[in-house]
Amino acid sequence: MKNLSLALVGALLLCAGSMAQAADLAAGQAAFAKFSCASCHGADAKTPISPAYPILAGQHQDYLSHALHAYKRGQANAPASSNLRKNATMGAMAAQLTDADIANITAWLATLPSPLSVQQ
């Protein structure tokens, strides 16, 4: 009986985690649209309007999150000792994002199919 209870609790936690993940991905897709990310990076996040702009689809979530936070620090004129990125356009865009927006957008982007691959 004890093992059955533990299994049931585990299954419920797994389902709850899956539902939270789906909500975050939907929120990420909505935030990508809301903040007009597609205007530079493409609606599919893999066809940017300029070759100078990165493909975001399929990129690692932690890398994208780190980059967006670095743009926010750069826009906020953080001390030079901080890890920051200076870019007028991306700094202004990232400054609008909350930490939840960044987490949701980057989680969604990481799930998208992409031409990115590791060369061997």
Protein backbone atom coordinates (compact mmCIF):
# COMPACT_ATOMS: atom_id res chain seq x y z
CA MET A 1 0.00 0.00 0.00
CA LYS A 2 2.85 2.35 0.86
CA ASN A 3 4.56 1.72 -2.51
CA LEU A 4 1.29 2.36 -4.36
CA SER A 5 0.84 5.67 -2.54
CA LEU A 6 4.39 6.73 -3.41
CA ALA A 7 3.86 5.79 -7.06
CA LEU A 8 0.60 7.75 -7.18
CA VAL A 9 2.22 10.83 -5.65
CA GLY A 10 5.10 10.56 -8.13
CA ALA A 11 2.70 10.29 -11.07
CA LEU A 12 0.76 13.35 -9.87
CA LEU A 13 3.96 15.37 -9.54
CA LEU A 14 5.03 14.32 -13.02
CA CYS A 15 1.68 15.41 -14.47
CA ALA A 16 1.80 18.71 -12.62
CA GLY A 17 5.33 19.35 -13.92
CA SER A 18 4.24 18.58 -17.48
CA MET A 19 1.30 20.96 -17.25
CA ALA A 20 3.52 23.73 -15.86
CA GLN A 21 6.00 23.16 -18.70
CA ALA A 22 3.23 23.41 -21.30
CA ALA A 23 1.96 26.64 -19.77
CA ASP A 24 5.47 28.10 -19.82
CA LEU A 25 5.96 27.16 -23.47
CA ALA A 26 2.62 28.70 -24.45
CA ALA A 27 3.53 31.83 -22.50
CA GLY A 28 6.91 31.90 -24.24
CA GLN A 29 5.34 31.70 -27.67
CA ALA A 30 2.90 34.47 -26.72
CA ALA A 31 5.70 36.68 -25.35
CA PHE A 32 7.79 36.12 -28.51
CA ALA A 33 4.85 37.52 -30.48
CA LYS A 34 4.00 40.26 -27.97
CA PHE A 35 7.51 41.70 -27.96
CA SER A 36 7.81 41.51 -31.78
CA CYS A 37 10.87 39.25 -31.75
CA ALA A 38 9.79 37.91 -35.15
CA SER A 39 10.34 41.32 -36.75
CA CYS A 40 14.10 40.59 -36.73
CA HIS A 41 14.46 36.87 -36.02
CA GLY A 42 11.60 35.60 -38.21
CA ALA A 43 8.23 34.15 -37.23
CA ASP A 44 9.80 30.70 -36.98
CA ALA A 45 12.85 32.10 -35.11
CA LYS A 46 15.13 30.56 -37.74
CA THR A 47 14.79 32.92 -40.70
CA PRO A 48 16.17 36.29 -39.51
CA ILE A 49 15.79 39.30 -41.78
CA SER A 50 19.58 39.76 -41.86
CA PRO A 51 22.37 37.19 -41.87
CA ALA A 52 23.90 39.22 -39.03
CA TYR A 53 21.00 38.29 -36.74
CA PRO A 54 21.19 34.93 -34.98
CA ILE A 55 18.94 31.92 -35.45
CA LEU A 56 17.17 31.45 -32.13
CA ALA A 57 15.17 28.27 -32.79
CA GLY A 58 16.77 25.22 -31.25
CA GLN A 59 19.39 27.20 -29.36
CA HIS A 60 20.17 26.12 -25.79
CA GLN A 61 17.82 27.71 -23.27
CA ASP A 62 20.56 28.61 -20.81
CA TYR A 63 22.59 30.37 -23.53
CA LEU A 64 19.59 32.43 -24.69
CA SER A 65 18.66 33.31 -21.11
CA HIS A 66 22.23 34.39 -20.33
CA ALA A 67 22.35 36.53 -23.48
CA LEU A 68 19.05 38.30 -22.75
CA HIS A 69 20.10 39.03 -19.15
CA ALA A 70 23.44 40.36 -20.44
CA TYR A 71 21.60 42.72 -22.81
CA LYS A 72 19.45 43.91 -19.89
CA ARG A 73 22.57 44.61 -17.81
CA GLY A 74 24.13 46.47 -20.74
CA GLN A 75 21.02 48.60 -21.18
CA ALA A 76 20.96 49.37 -17.45
CA ASN A 77 24.59 50.62 -17.61
CA ALA A 78 25.80 47.99 -15.15
CA PRO A 79 29.45 48.29 -14.07
CA ALA A 80 31.97 47.19 -16.67
CA SER A 81 32.97 44.29 -14.40
CA SER A 82 29.53 42.77 -14.93
CA ASN A 83 28.92 40.32 -17.75
CA LEU A 84 26.99 42.52 -20.15
CA ARG A 85 26.25 43.03 -23.82
CA LYS A 86 25.89 46.44 -25.42
CA ASN A 87 23.50 46.66 -28.36
CA ALA A 88 20.98 49.47 -28.66
CA THR A 89 18.25 47.39 -30.29
CA MET A 90 18.57 44.23 -28.20
CA GLY A 91 19.18 46.21 -25.02
CA ALA A 92 15.93 48.13 -25.49
CA MET A 93 14.04 44.92 -26.29
CA ALA A 94 15.49 42.95 -23.36
CA ALA A 95 14.85 45.80 -20.92
CA GLN A 96 11.11 45.23 -21.38
CA LEU A 97 11.30 41.55 -20.41
CA THR A 98 10.70 40.19 -16.93
CA ASP A 99 12.66 37.21 -15.67
CA ALA A 100 9.53 35.10 -16.28
CA ASP A 101 9.30 36.38 -19.87
CA ILE A 102 12.93 35.42 -20.45
CA ALA A 103 12.45 31.96 -18.94
CA ASN A 104 9.30 31.34 -20.99
CA ILE A 105 10.62 32.67 -24.30
CA THR A 106 13.90 30.81 -24.03
CA ALA A 107 12.18 27.55 -23.03
CA TRP A 108 9.90 27.83 -26.07
CA LEU A 109 12.74 28.70 -28.46
CA ALA A 110 14.79 25.72 -27.26
CA THR A 111 11.99 23.33 -28.29
CA LEU A 112 11.72 24.58 -31.88
CA PRO A 113 13.12 22.60 -34.81
CA SER A 114 16.26 24.19 -36.11
CA PRO A 115 19.01 24.03 -38.71
CA LEU A 116 21.52 24.38 -35.85
CA SER A 117 23.71 21.33 -35.39
CA VAL A 118 27.05 20.24 -34.09
CA GLN A 119 29.64 19.78 -36.83
CA GLN A 120 31.78 16.64 -36.55
